[in-house]
Every structure is written in structure tokens, then in C-alpha cells.
């Protein structure tokens, strides 16, 4: 049975639609959602059955960690762990993290850091590393608020197939594997987020996407 396609306003998503979508997440379902870059697959990262379902839907090996979408720095701090936190026990983020977050969040930047022990090991593909992003998307922000927690944000496509910039593309690839797809129209962005990996004071660009590497270098160098 194909997924239900639910139209939502990209700028001012309807409250009842967000509540409806959040109910699917609360039941452990995986749904298709629009972001500010491409369409993604949303699920509860603390629900291991839902995490397993993402890997099944995508046909993705469990050796790949799942990106997590957030809507505040507080959520980022709860999900990540730094050497400073390990030593002092204080909720303090590395300076490079704060510099990047202040400049590019909300937006098309994914920051990879050490994961908090609060997060299930499976979500990190046993790496204890986590990819965090705060998208510039009213739909994602409202959905996280309605669900009252972070959600996964891996791309909504079968592994090895093109990423999707519209709900129709998601339906074509994954329509038989999902219960619900939120349709906010074309995202208007053909590039994924840029990924920056942080290791203490060291950093590297894991993938250049919507944010040019030169812009990252200006902030960190």
C-alpha cells in the first residue's frame, strides 16, 4: 500500500498536520519529510526498532551512522560529548563547534562530533560519533517541537539511488516502504548539506555541499 501523501505549507506548516506526523514518529514509524536541502527520512533516534526500519527502508548497511536533526543548541549539547565535558562534567561545547553553529545554523551544515552516551550506539553505527544539523526549515522545526525531541534526517532515497528534492521523487522510490510523506513542494536545492567533522581542535570537511569549503575555512581559520 503506497504512502499517504500529505501536503503542508513549507513556510507556515499546519499545526494539525505536524501533530499528525508526530504521532507516526511516536509509534516508531519512518516518514518522509522536506528539509531546507533535500527530502529526508524522519524517525525517533531513541527507538531502536525505528532505527532498524530506516536501514530496511533505505537498503542501507548498518555501518553508516544516521544524521540527527535538531532545533536548538540545547539539543545539540544533550546529544554530543566533548573532552571538556568528560573532564569537567560541564555542558560546554568546543569553540569550533560554537563558531560553526553561530555562523551556519539554522542551515545546510552538518557537524560531526563525539556522541553522548544518552544516544543508542546503533544510531552511531557503533562509532560513538554523531552528525548533527539544525535545518533552516519551518516544517522540520515544528515537527521536532511537536514530537518533543530530535529526529533522524538521513536522505530519503534508496542507497545508491539519487537523492530527492520533491515528495513525488520520494514516492517514486520509497512510496511502498513508508506510511506517510509530507509534501512541501520542491526544496529548490539540489545539493546536500556540507559535512564538517570535528576532533578536538582539529577539523576536516567530510563532504562539500550547499555551503562552500571556502566559507567554512573563513570561520575556522
N, C-alpha and C. Protein backbone atom coordinates (compact mmCIF):
# COMPACT_ATOMS: atom_id res chain seq x y z
N UNK A 1 0.85 -1.20 0.00
CA UNK A 1 0.00 0.00 0.00
C UNK A 1 0.88 1.24 0.00
N UNK A 2 0.66 2.15 -0.95
CA UNK A 2 1.54 3.33 -1.04
C UNK A 2 1.36 4.28 0.13
N UNK A 3 2.39 5.09 0.35
CA UNK A 3 2.38 6.06 1.46
C UNK A 3 1.27 7.09 1.27
N UNK A 4 0.76 7.58 2.39
CA UNK A 4 -0.15 8.72 2.36
C UNK A 4 0.67 9.96 2.06
N UNK A 5 0.22 10.75 1.10
CA UNK A 5 0.91 11.99 0.73
C UNK A 5 0.14 13.16 1.33
N UNK A 6 0.77 13.87 2.26
CA UNK A 6 0.09 14.95 2.97
C UNK A 6 0.74 16.28 2.64
N UNK A 7 -0.01 17.16 2.01
CA UNK A 7 0.50 18.47 1.62
C UNK A 7 0.60 19.39 2.83
N UNK A 8 1.76 20.06 3.00
CA UNK A 8 1.94 21.02 4.09
C UNK A 8 2.55 22.30 3.53
N UNK A 9 2.29 23.39 4.22
CA UNK A 9 2.86 24.68 3.82
C UNK A 9 4.31 24.76 4.29
N UNK A 10 5.23 25.00 3.38
CA UNK A 10 6.66 25.00 3.70
C UNK A 10 7.03 26.10 4.68
N UNK A 11 6.36 27.25 4.59
CA UNK A 11 6.71 28.41 5.42
C UNK A 11 5.95 28.42 6.75
N UNK A 12 4.68 28.04 6.69
CA UNK A 12 3.85 28.01 7.91
C UNK A 12 3.10 26.68 7.96
N UNK A 13 3.80 25.61 8.31
CA UNK A 13 3.16 24.28 8.31
C UNK A 13 1.99 24.21 9.27
N UNK A 14 0.92 23.58 8.83
CA UNK A 14 -0.31 23.50 9.61
C UNK A 14 -0.10 22.69 10.89
N UNK A 15 -0.61 23.20 12.00
CA UNK A 15 -0.40 22.56 13.30
C UNK A 15 -0.97 21.15 13.34
N UNK A 16 -2.16 20.95 12.74
CA UNK A 16 -2.76 19.62 12.79
C UNK A 16 -1.95 18.62 11.96
N UNK A 17 -1.35 19.08 10.87
CA UNK A 17 -0.51 18.21 10.05
C UNK A 17 0.75 17.81 10.81
N UNK A 18 1.31 18.74 11.58
CA UNK A 18 2.51 18.44 12.35
C UNK A 18 2.20 17.46 13.49
N UNK A 19 1.05 17.64 14.12
CA UNK A 19 0.64 16.71 15.18
C UNK A 19 0.43 15.31 14.60
N UNK A 20 -0.21 15.28 13.44
CA UNK A 20 -0.47 14.01 12.75
C UNK A 20 0.84 13.29 12.44
N UNK A 21 1.81 14.02 11.90
CA UNK A 21 3.10 13.43 11.55
C UNK A 21 3.85 12.97 12.80
N UNK A 22 3.77 13.76 13.87
CA UNK A 22 4.45 13.41 15.12
C UNK A 22 3.90 12.12 15.72
N UNK A 23 2.61 11.85 15.51
CA UNK A 23 2.02 10.61 16.00
C UNK A 23 2.66 9.39 15.33
N UNK A 24 2.99 9.52 14.05
CA UNK A 24 3.67 8.42 13.35
C UNK A 24 5.04 8.17 13.98
N UNK A 25 5.76 9.25 14.28
CA UNK A 25 7.08 9.11 14.89
C UNK A 25 6.97 8.46 16.27
N UNK A 26 5.95 8.86 17.03
CA UNK A 26 5.76 8.31 18.38
C UNK A 26 5.44 6.81 18.34
N UNK A 27 4.88 6.35 17.21
CA UNK A 27 4.55 4.93 17.07
C UNK A 27 5.72 4.13 16.49
N UNK A 28 6.84 4.79 16.28
CA UNK A 28 8.02 4.08 15.78
C UNK A 28 8.09 3.97 14.27
N UNK A 29 7.29 4.79 13.57
CA UNK A 29 7.28 4.75 12.10
C UNK A 29 8.39 5.63 11.52
N UNK A 30 8.71 5.36 10.27
CA UNK A 30 9.62 6.20 9.49
C UNK A 30 8.79 6.95 8.45
N UNK A 31 8.97 8.28 8.36
CA UNK A 31 8.20 9.07 7.41
C UNK A 31 9.12 9.93 6.56
N UNK A 32 8.64 10.32 5.39
CA UNK A 32 9.40 11.21 4.52
C UNK A 32 9.05 12.66 4.80
N UNK A 33 10.09 13.50 4.91
CA UNK A 33 9.85 14.92 5.24
C UNK A 33 10.73 15.82 4.36
N UNK A 34 10.26 17.06 4.10
CA UNK A 34 11.11 18.03 3.41
C UNK A 34 12.06 18.70 4.39
N UNK A 35 13.26 19.05 3.93
CA UNK A 35 14.17 19.87 4.74
C UNK A 35 14.53 21.09 3.90
N UNK A 36 15.53 21.84 4.33
CA UNK A 36 15.95 23.01 3.56
C UNK A 36 16.92 22.64 2.44
N UNK A 37 17.32 21.36 2.37
CA UNK A 37 18.19 20.93 1.28
C UNK A 37 17.45 19.90 0.42
N UNK A 38 17.35 18.67 0.91
CA UNK A 38 16.65 17.61 0.19
C UNK A 38 15.62 16.96 1.13
N UNK A 39 14.84 16.04 0.60
CA UNK A 39 13.89 15.32 1.45
C UNK A 39 14.64 14.28 2.28
N UNK A 40 14.14 14.05 3.51
CA UNK A 40 14.81 13.13 4.42
C UNK A 40 13.84 12.12 5.01
N UNK A 41 14.41 11.17 5.74
CA UNK A 41 13.62 10.16 6.44
C UNK A 41 13.68 10.45 7.93
N UNK A 42 12.51 10.71 8.52
CA UNK A 42 12.43 11.06 9.93
C UNK A 42 11.94 9.89 10.75
N UNK A 43 12.60 9.68 11.90
CA UNK A 43 12.19 8.66 12.86
C UNK A 43 12.74 9.06 14.22
N UNK A 44 12.30 8.35 15.24
CA UNK A 44 12.78 8.59 16.61
C UNK A 44 14.14 7.91 16.78
N UNK A 45 15.24 8.67 16.96
CA UNK A 45 16.56 8.05 17.07
C UNK A 45 16.75 7.23 18.34
N UNK A 46 15.86 7.39 19.32
CA UNK A 46 15.95 6.62 20.56
C UNK A 46 15.14 5.32 20.51
N UNK A 47 14.42 5.11 19.41
CA UNK A 47 13.63 3.91 19.21
C UNK A 47 14.40 2.97 18.29
N UNK A 48 14.97 1.90 18.85
CA UNK A 48 15.83 1.03 18.06
C UNK A 48 15.08 0.32 16.94
N UNK A 49 13.81 0.03 17.15
CA UNK A 49 13.02 -0.60 16.09
C UNK A 49 12.85 0.37 14.91
N UNK A 50 12.64 1.65 15.23
CA UNK A 50 12.51 2.66 14.18
C UNK A 50 13.83 2.84 13.44
N UNK A 51 14.94 2.78 14.17
CA UNK A 51 16.27 2.89 13.54
C UNK A 51 16.49 1.70 12.60
N UNK A 52 16.12 0.51 13.04
CA UNK A 52 16.22 -0.67 12.17
C UNK A 52 15.38 -0.50 10.91
N UNK A 53 14.21 0.12 11.07
CA UNK A 53 13.31 0.31 9.94
C UNK A 53 13.92 1.26 8.90
N UNK A 54 14.65 2.28 9.35
CA UNK A 54 15.31 3.18 8.40
C UNK A 54 16.29 2.42 7.53
N UNK A 55 17.11 1.59 8.16
CA UNK A 55 18.08 0.81 7.40
C UNK A 55 17.37 -0.12 6.40
N UNK A 56 16.21 -0.66 6.81
CA UNK A 56 15.46 -1.54 5.91
C UNK A 56 14.89 -0.74 4.74
N UNK A 57 14.29 0.41 5.05
CA UNK A 57 13.68 1.24 4.01
C UNK A 57 14.72 1.67 2.98
N UNK A 58 15.88 2.09 3.44
CA UNK A 58 16.91 2.59 2.53
C UNK A 58 17.73 1.47 1.88
N UNK A 59 17.66 0.26 2.46
CA UNK A 59 18.55 -0.78 1.99
C UNK A 59 19.99 -0.39 2.28
N UNK A 60 20.17 0.25 3.44
CA UNK A 60 21.46 0.83 3.81
C UNK A 60 22.18 -0.05 4.83
N UNK A 61 23.47 -0.27 4.67
CA UNK A 61 24.20 -1.08 5.65
C UNK A 61 24.23 -0.39 7.01
N UNK A 62 24.22 -1.17 8.07
CA UNK A 62 24.22 -0.61 9.42
C UNK A 62 25.59 -0.09 9.84
N UNK A 63 26.52 -0.02 8.88
CA UNK A 63 27.84 0.55 9.15
C UNK A 63 27.84 2.06 8.94
N UNK A 64 26.70 2.61 8.49
CA UNK A 64 26.59 4.05 8.25
C UNK A 64 25.76 4.70 9.36
N UNK A 65 26.35 5.68 10.04
CA UNK A 65 25.63 6.38 11.11
C UNK A 65 24.51 7.23 10.53
N UNK A 66 23.50 7.50 11.34
CA UNK A 66 22.35 8.29 10.89
C UNK A 66 22.48 9.74 11.34
N UNK A 67 22.32 10.71 10.42
CA UNK A 67 22.29 12.12 10.82
C UNK A 67 21.09 12.41 11.72
N UNK A 68 21.27 13.33 12.64
CA UNK A 68 20.20 13.72 13.57
C UNK A 68 19.87 15.19 13.37
N UNK A 69 18.57 15.48 13.23
CA UNK A 69 18.11 16.85 13.08
C UNK A 69 17.63 17.39 14.42
N UNK A 70 18.00 18.64 14.71
CA UNK A 70 17.66 19.28 15.98
C UNK A 70 17.06 20.65 15.69
N UNK A 71 16.54 21.31 16.73
CA UNK A 71 16.03 22.66 16.54
C UNK A 71 16.50 23.63 17.62
N UNK A 72 17.63 23.26 18.28
CA UNK A 72 18.20 24.16 19.28
C UNK A 72 19.61 23.70 19.64
N UNK A 73 20.41 24.62 20.16
CA UNK A 73 21.74 24.26 20.64
C UNK A 73 21.65 23.39 21.88
N UNK A 74 20.61 23.57 22.67
CA UNK A 74 20.43 22.72 23.86
C UNK A 74 20.34 21.25 23.46
N UNK A 75 19.61 20.96 22.38
CA UNK A 75 19.51 19.58 21.91
C UNK A 75 20.88 19.08 21.45
N UNK A 76 21.63 19.94 20.79
CA UNK A 76 22.97 19.55 20.34
C UNK A 76 23.86 19.18 21.52
N UNK A 77 23.78 19.94 22.58
CA UNK A 77 24.60 19.69 23.77
C UNK A 77 24.20 18.39 24.45
N UNK A 78 22.92 18.07 24.44
CA UNK A 78 22.46 16.84 25.07
C UNK A 78 22.90 15.59 24.29
N UNK A 79 23.04 15.75 22.97
CA UNK A 79 23.35 14.60 22.13
C UNK A 79 24.83 14.41 21.87
N UNK A 80 25.64 15.42 22.19
CA UNK A 80 27.07 15.35 21.89
C UNK A 80 27.89 15.29 23.16
N UNK A 81 29.15 14.95 22.98
CA UNK A 81 30.06 14.80 24.13
C UNK A 81 31.42 15.34 23.72
N UNK A 82 32.03 16.15 24.54
CA UNK A 82 33.36 16.69 24.24
C UNK A 82 34.34 16.29 25.34
N UNK A 83 35.60 16.43 25.06
CA UNK A 83 36.62 16.13 26.07
C UNK A 83 36.48 17.06 27.27
N UNK A 84 36.01 18.27 27.01
CA UNK A 84 35.77 19.23 28.09
C UNK A 84 34.69 18.70 29.02
N UNK A 85 33.62 18.16 28.43
CA UNK A 85 32.53 17.61 29.23
C UNK A 85 32.99 16.39 30.02
N UNK A 86 33.85 15.58 29.40
CA UNK A 86 34.34 14.36 30.06
C UNK A 86 35.12 14.70 31.32
N UNK A 87 35.94 15.75 31.23
CA UNK A 87 36.82 16.11 32.34
C UNK A 87 36.07 16.88 33.43
N UNK A 88 35.26 17.85 33.01
CA UNK A 88 34.64 18.75 33.97
C UNK A 88 33.20 18.37 34.33
N UNK A 89 32.55 17.62 33.43
CA UNK A 89 31.15 17.30 33.65
C UNK A 89 30.23 18.45 33.28
N UNK A 90 30.80 19.54 32.76
CA UNK A 90 30.00 20.71 32.39
C UNK A 90 29.52 20.59 30.95
N UNK A 91 28.33 21.12 30.71
CA UNK A 91 27.78 21.12 29.35
C UNK A 91 28.41 22.27 28.56
N UNK A 92 29.60 22.03 28.05
CA UNK A 92 30.31 23.07 27.31
C UNK A 92 30.78 22.50 25.98
N UNK A 93 30.52 23.25 24.89
CA UNK A 93 30.86 22.77 23.56
C UNK A 93 32.21 23.32 23.12
N UNK A 94 32.95 22.57 22.25
CA UNK A 94 34.22 23.07 21.72
C UNK A 94 34.01 24.37 20.94
N UNK A 95 35.03 25.22 20.93
CA UNK A 95 34.92 26.52 20.28
C UNK A 95 34.62 26.39 18.79
N UNK A 96 35.24 25.42 18.12
CA UNK A 96 34.97 25.26 16.69
C UNK A 96 33.51 24.92 16.42
N UNK A 97 32.93 24.12 17.30
CA UNK A 97 31.51 23.79 17.17
C UNK A 97 30.66 25.05 17.30
N UNK A 98 30.97 25.85 18.31
CA UNK A 98 30.18 27.06 18.55
C UNK A 98 30.34 28.07 17.41
N UNK A 99 31.56 28.17 16.87
CA UNK A 99 31.79 29.09 15.75
C UNK A 99 30.95 28.69 14.53
N UNK A 100 30.98 27.40 14.23
CA UNK A 100 30.22 26.92 13.07
C UNK A 100 28.72 27.05 13.29
N UNK A 101 28.25 26.70 14.48
CA UNK A 101 26.82 26.77 14.78
C UNK A 101 26.31 28.21 14.72
N UNK A 102 27.11 29.13 15.26
CA UNK A 102 26.70 30.54 15.27
C UNK A 102 26.60 31.10 13.86
N UNK A 103 27.50 30.66 12.99
CA UNK A 103 27.54 31.19 11.62
C UNK A 103 26.52 30.52 10.69
N UNK A 104 26.37 29.21 10.79
CA UNK A 104 25.64 28.48 9.75
C UNK A 104 24.34 27.83 10.20
N UNK A 105 24.03 27.83 11.49
CA UNK A 105 22.76 27.25 11.95
C UNK A 105 21.75 28.32 12.28
N UNK A 106 20.46 28.14 11.97
CA UNK A 106 19.94 27.04 11.17
C UNK A 106 20.44 27.13 9.72
N UNK A 107 20.70 25.99 9.10
CA UNK A 107 21.18 26.00 7.74
C UNK A 107 21.72 24.66 7.29
N UNK A 108 22.41 24.68 6.16
CA UNK A 108 22.81 23.46 5.46
C UNK A 108 24.18 22.96 5.89
N UNK A 109 24.43 22.94 7.19
CA UNK A 109 25.70 22.43 7.71
C UNK A 109 25.45 21.29 8.69
N UNK A 110 26.13 20.17 8.45
CA UNK A 110 26.11 19.04 9.37
C UNK A 110 27.44 18.99 10.10
N UNK A 111 27.40 18.93 11.42
CA UNK A 111 28.63 18.89 12.23
C UNK A 111 28.73 17.53 12.89
N UNK A 112 29.86 16.87 12.68
CA UNK A 112 30.09 15.54 13.24
C UNK A 112 30.97 15.66 14.48
N UNK A 113 30.47 15.15 15.61
CA UNK A 113 31.19 15.23 16.88
C UNK A 113 31.03 13.90 17.62
N UNK A 114 31.69 13.77 18.77
CA UNK A 114 31.51 12.59 19.60
C UNK A 114 30.10 12.57 20.16
N UNK A 115 29.50 11.40 20.21
CA UNK A 115 28.12 11.26 20.67
C UNK A 115 28.03 11.08 22.17
N UNK A 116 26.98 11.62 22.73
CA UNK A 116 26.69 11.41 24.15
C UNK A 116 26.32 9.95 24.38
N UNK A 117 26.56 9.47 25.60
CA UNK A 117 26.17 8.11 25.94
C UNK A 117 24.66 7.99 26.07
N UNK A 118 23.96 9.13 26.03
CA UNK A 118 22.49 9.09 26.06
C UNK A 118 21.94 8.47 24.77
N UNK A 119 22.72 8.57 23.69
CA UNK A 119 22.25 8.15 22.37
C UNK A 119 22.55 6.66 22.15
N UNK A 120 21.59 5.89 21.64
CA UNK A 120 21.85 4.47 21.38
C UNK A 120 23.04 4.27 20.45
N UNK A 121 23.86 3.28 20.76
CA UNK A 121 25.06 3.02 19.97
C UNK A 121 24.72 2.70 18.53
N UNK A 122 23.58 2.04 18.30
CA UNK A 122 23.18 1.65 16.94
C UNK A 122 23.03 2.86 16.02
N UNK A 123 22.54 3.99 16.56
CA UNK A 123 22.34 5.19 15.75
C UNK A 123 23.66 5.71 15.20
N UNK A 124 24.73 5.46 15.94
CA UNK A 124 26.05 5.93 15.52
C UNK A 124 26.80 4.88 14.71
N UNK A 125 26.12 3.77 14.38
CA UNK A 125 26.75 2.65 13.67
C UNK A 125 27.97 2.16 14.44
N UNK A 126 27.83 2.18 15.77
CA UNK A 126 28.89 1.71 16.70
C UNK A 126 30.16 2.55 16.65
N UNK A 127 30.06 3.78 16.13
CA UNK A 127 31.24 4.65 16.04
C UNK A 127 31.35 5.60 17.21
N UNK A 128 30.27 5.79 17.95
CA UNK A 128 30.19 6.79 19.02
C UNK A 128 30.43 8.21 18.47
N UNK A 129 30.10 8.40 17.18
CA UNK A 129 30.16 9.72 16.55
C UNK A 129 28.76 10.05 16.05
N UNK A 130 28.42 11.33 16.07
CA UNK A 130 27.08 11.74 15.68
C UNK A 130 27.14 12.95 14.73
N UNK A 131 26.29 12.91 13.71
CA UNK A 131 26.19 14.00 12.74
C UNK A 131 24.95 14.83 13.06
N UNK A 132 25.16 16.07 13.48
CA UNK A 132 24.06 16.94 13.92
C UNK A 132 23.79 18.05 12.91
N UNK A 133 22.51 18.36 12.71
CA UNK A 133 22.17 19.50 11.85
C UNK A 133 20.89 20.17 12.34
N UNK A 134 20.91 21.50 12.30
CA UNK A 134 19.72 22.31 12.61
C UNK A 134 19.29 22.94 11.29
N UNK A 135 18.33 22.35 10.60
CA UNK A 135 17.93 22.85 9.28
C UNK A 135 17.18 24.17 9.37
N UNK A 136 17.28 24.94 8.30
CA UNK A 136 16.51 26.18 8.19
C UNK A 136 15.20 25.82 7.50
N UNK A 137 14.35 25.13 8.26
CA UNK A 137 13.10 24.60 7.71
C UNK A 137 12.02 24.69 8.77
N UNK A 138 10.95 25.41 8.44
CA UNK A 138 9.83 25.54 9.39
C UNK A 138 9.18 24.18 9.64
N UNK A 139 9.11 23.34 8.61
CA UNK A 139 8.49 22.03 8.76
C UNK A 139 9.28 21.18 9.76
N UNK A 140 10.61 21.13 9.59
CA UNK A 140 11.43 20.33 10.50
C UNK A 140 11.39 20.90 11.92
N UNK A 141 11.51 22.21 12.05
CA UNK A 141 11.49 22.85 13.36
C UNK A 141 10.19 22.56 14.10
N UNK A 142 9.06 22.70 13.40
CA UNK A 142 7.76 22.46 14.04
C UNK A 142 7.55 20.97 14.35
N UNK A 143 8.04 20.11 13.47
CA UNK A 143 7.87 18.68 13.70
C UNK A 143 8.65 18.24 14.94
N UNK A 144 9.88 18.73 15.08
CA UNK A 144 10.69 18.40 16.26
C UNK A 144 10.01 18.93 17.53
N UNK A 145 9.47 20.14 17.44
CA UNK A 145 8.78 20.72 18.60
C UNK A 145 7.55 19.90 18.97
N UNK A 146 6.80 19.48 17.96
CA UNK A 146 5.59 18.70 18.21
C UNK A 146 5.93 17.32 18.76
N UNK A 147 7.00 16.73 18.25
CA UNK A 147 7.44 15.41 18.70
C UNK A 147 8.15 15.50 20.06
N UNK A 148 8.62 16.69 20.37
CA UNK A 148 9.32 16.97 21.64
C UNK A 148 10.65 16.22 21.72
N UNK A 149 11.36 16.19 20.60
CA UNK A 149 12.67 15.56 20.60
C UNK A 149 13.29 15.58 19.22
N UNK A 150 14.59 15.31 19.13
CA UNK A 150 15.27 15.27 17.83
C UNK A 150 14.78 14.12 16.98
N UNK A 151 15.02 14.21 15.68
CA UNK A 151 14.61 13.17 14.74
C UNK A 151 15.76 12.84 13.81
N UNK A 152 15.68 11.69 13.16
CA UNK A 152 16.71 11.36 12.18
C UNK A 152 16.50 12.20 10.92
N UNK A 153 17.57 12.33 10.13
CA UNK A 153 17.46 13.15 8.93
C UNK A 153 18.25 12.62 7.76
N UNK A 154 18.39 11.30 7.68
CA UNK A 154 19.10 10.73 6.54
C UNK A 154 18.31 10.96 5.25
N UNK A 155 18.98 11.00 4.13
CA UNK A 155 18.32 11.33 2.87
C UNK A 155 17.24 10.30 2.51
N UNK A 156 16.15 10.80 1.94
CA UNK A 156 15.01 9.94 1.59
C UNK A 156 15.22 9.34 0.20
N UNK A 157 16.04 8.31 0.15
CA UNK A 157 16.28 7.61 -1.10
C UNK A 157 16.79 6.21 -0.79
N UNK A 158 16.66 5.33 -1.76
CA UNK A 158 17.26 4.01 -1.63
C UNK A 158 18.77 4.17 -1.81
N UNK A 159 19.55 3.51 -0.98
CA UNK A 159 21.00 3.65 -1.06
C UNK A 159 21.49 3.35 -2.47
N UNK A 160 22.30 4.29 -2.99
CA UNK A 160 22.82 4.15 -4.33
C UNK A 160 21.98 4.84 -5.39
N UNK A 161 20.76 5.28 -5.02
CA UNK A 161 19.89 5.99 -5.94
C UNK A 161 19.98 7.50 -5.68
N UNK A 162 19.53 8.34 -6.63
CA UNK A 162 19.63 9.79 -6.45
C UNK A 162 18.83 10.28 -5.26
N UNK A 163 19.33 11.33 -4.59
CA UNK A 163 18.58 11.99 -3.52
C UNK A 163 17.36 12.69 -4.12
N UNK A 164 16.37 12.97 -3.27
CA UNK A 164 15.09 13.50 -3.75
C UNK A 164 14.89 14.95 -3.31
N UNK A 165 14.48 15.79 -4.24
CA UNK A 165 14.18 17.19 -3.93
C UNK A 165 12.69 17.48 -3.97
N UNK A 166 11.86 16.46 -4.16
CA UNK A 166 10.41 16.63 -4.15
C UNK A 166 9.74 15.40 -3.55
N UNK A 167 8.53 15.59 -3.06
CA UNK A 167 7.78 14.48 -2.48
C UNK A 167 7.46 13.43 -3.55
N UNK A 168 7.24 13.88 -4.79
CA UNK A 168 6.93 12.94 -5.87
C UNK A 168 8.10 11.99 -6.13
N UNK A 169 9.32 12.52 -6.04
CA UNK A 169 10.50 11.67 -6.21
C UNK A 169 10.61 10.67 -5.06
N UNK A 170 10.27 11.12 -3.85
CA UNK A 170 10.28 10.22 -2.69
C UNK A 170 9.26 9.10 -2.89
N UNK A 171 8.08 9.48 -3.35
CA UNK A 171 7.02 8.49 -3.58
C UNK A 171 7.45 7.46 -4.62
N UNK A 172 8.14 7.92 -5.65
CA UNK A 172 8.57 7.02 -6.72
C UNK A 172 9.56 5.98 -6.19
N UNK A 173 10.48 6.41 -5.31
CA UNK A 173 11.49 5.49 -4.79
C UNK A 173 11.00 4.69 -3.58
N UNK A 174 10.30 5.38 -2.67
CA UNK A 174 10.02 4.78 -1.37
C UNK A 174 8.54 4.71 -1.01
N UNK A 175 7.69 5.04 -1.95
CA UNK A 175 6.26 5.11 -1.66
C UNK A 175 5.65 3.84 -1.10
N UNK A 176 6.20 2.70 -1.48
CA UNK A 176 5.68 1.43 -1.00
C UNK A 176 6.31 1.02 0.34
N UNK A 177 7.29 1.78 0.81
CA UNK A 177 8.01 1.40 2.04
C UNK A 177 7.71 2.31 3.22
N UNK A 178 6.95 3.40 2.99
CA UNK A 178 6.67 4.38 4.04
C UNK A 178 5.16 4.52 4.25
N UNK A 179 4.74 4.87 5.47
CA UNK A 179 3.31 5.11 5.71
C UNK A 179 2.88 6.54 5.38
N UNK A 180 3.84 7.50 5.42
CA UNK A 180 3.49 8.91 5.26
C UNK A 180 4.65 9.69 4.65
N UNK A 181 4.32 10.58 3.71
CA UNK A 181 5.29 11.53 3.15
C UNK A 181 4.68 12.92 3.22
N UNK A 182 5.39 13.85 3.86
CA UNK A 182 4.94 15.24 3.90
C UNK A 182 5.41 15.95 2.62
N UNK A 183 4.50 16.61 1.96
CA UNK A 183 4.79 17.26 0.67
C UNK A 183 4.74 18.77 0.84
N UNK A 184 5.93 19.39 0.82
CA UNK A 184 6.00 20.85 0.89
C UNK A 184 6.51 21.43 -0.42
N UNK A 185 6.38 20.65 -1.50
CA UNK A 185 6.83 21.11 -2.81
C UNK A 185 8.32 20.86 -3.00
N UNK A 186 8.85 21.42 -4.07
CA UNK A 186 10.28 21.30 -4.37
C UNK A 186 11.09 22.04 -3.31
N UNK A 187 12.20 21.44 -2.89
CA UNK A 187 13.05 22.12 -1.91
C UNK A 187 13.83 23.26 -2.56
N UNK A 188 14.03 23.18 -3.88
CA UNK A 188 14.75 24.23 -4.58
C UNK A 188 16.25 24.14 -4.41
N UNK A 189 16.73 23.10 -3.75
CA UNK A 189 18.16 22.92 -3.53
C UNK A 189 18.56 21.54 -4.04
N UNK A 190 19.55 21.51 -4.91
CA UNK A 190 19.98 20.23 -5.49
C UNK A 190 21.15 19.61 -4.73
N UNK A 191 21.69 20.37 -3.77
CA UNK A 191 22.88 19.89 -3.05
C UNK A 191 22.52 19.47 -1.63
N UNK A 192 23.20 18.47 -1.10
CA UNK A 192 23.01 18.09 0.30
C UNK A 192 23.74 19.08 1.21
N UNK A 193 23.66 18.88 2.50
CA UNK A 193 24.37 19.74 3.44
C UNK A 193 25.88 19.48 3.36
N UNK A 194 26.65 20.47 3.72
CA UNK A 194 28.09 20.31 3.86
C UNK A 194 28.37 19.65 5.21
N UNK A 195 29.31 18.72 5.23
CA UNK A 195 29.64 18.00 6.47
C UNK A 195 31.03 18.41 6.94
N UNK A 196 31.11 18.83 8.21
CA UNK A 196 32.39 19.15 8.84
C UNK A 196 32.57 18.22 10.04
N UNK A 197 33.70 17.53 10.09
CA UNK A 197 34.00 16.61 11.18
C UNK A 197 34.96 17.27 12.16
N UNK A 198 34.60 17.26 13.43
CA UNK A 198 35.42 17.86 14.47
C UNK A 198 36.03 16.78 15.36
N UNK A 199 37.33 16.88 15.59
CA UNK A 199 38.05 16.01 16.54
C UNK A 199 38.87 16.91 17.44
N UNK A 200 38.32 17.27 18.59
CA UNK A 200 39.01 18.22 19.46
C UNK A 200 39.17 19.55 18.74
N UNK A 201 40.42 20.04 18.63
CA UNK A 201 40.68 21.29 17.93
C UNK A 201 40.88 21.10 16.43
N UNK A 202 40.90 19.85 15.99
CA UNK A 202 41.12 19.56 14.57
C UNK A 202 39.78 19.42 13.85
N UNK A 203 39.81 19.73 12.56
CA UNK A 203 38.59 19.62 11.76
C UNK A 203 38.94 19.25 10.33
N UNK A 204 37.95 18.68 9.63
CA UNK A 204 38.08 18.39 8.22
C UNK A 204 36.70 18.43 7.58
N UNK A 205 36.66 18.77 6.30
CA UNK A 205 35.39 18.75 5.57
C UNK A 205 35.18 17.34 5.03
N UNK A 206 34.12 16.70 5.50
CA UNK A 206 33.82 15.35 5.06
C UNK A 206 33.08 15.31 3.74
N UNK A 207 32.34 16.39 3.44
CA UNK A 207 31.61 16.49 2.17
C UNK A 207 31.30 17.96 1.91
N UNK A 208 31.64 18.43 0.72
CA UNK A 208 31.23 19.79 0.35
C UNK A 208 29.86 19.71 -0.28
N UNK A 209 28.95 20.52 0.25
CA UNK A 209 27.59 20.53 -0.26
C UNK A 209 27.12 21.95 -0.51
N UNK A 210 25.99 22.32 0.11
CA UNK A 210 25.39 23.63 -0.13
C UNK A 210 26.25 24.79 0.38
N UNK A 211 27.09 24.55 1.38
CA UNK A 211 27.98 25.59 1.90
C UNK A 211 29.39 25.33 1.37
N UNK A 212 29.99 26.29 0.65
CA UNK A 212 31.33 26.09 0.08
C UNK A 212 32.39 25.90 1.16
N UNK A 213 33.41 25.11 0.85
CA UNK A 213 34.51 24.88 1.78
C UNK A 213 35.17 26.20 2.17
N UNK A 214 35.27 27.13 1.22
CA UNK A 214 35.90 28.42 1.49
C UNK A 214 35.19 29.16 2.62
N UNK A 215 33.88 29.02 2.71
CA UNK A 215 33.13 29.68 3.78
C UNK A 215 33.43 29.04 5.14
N UNK A 216 33.63 27.72 5.15
CA UNK A 216 33.99 27.02 6.38
C UNK A 216 35.38 27.48 6.83
N UNK A 217 36.30 27.56 5.89
CA UNK A 217 37.67 27.95 6.22
C UNK A 217 37.71 29.36 6.82
N UNK A 218 36.89 30.26 6.31
CA UNK A 218 36.87 31.63 6.84
C UNK A 218 36.50 31.66 8.32
N UNK A 219 35.60 30.78 8.70
CA UNK A 219 35.12 30.75 10.09
C UNK A 219 36.14 30.07 11.01
N UNK A 220 36.75 29.00 10.53
CA UNK A 220 37.61 28.19 11.40
C UNK A 220 39.10 28.57 11.32
N UNK A 221 39.50 29.32 10.30
CA UNK A 221 40.91 29.68 10.18
C UNK A 221 41.10 31.18 10.31
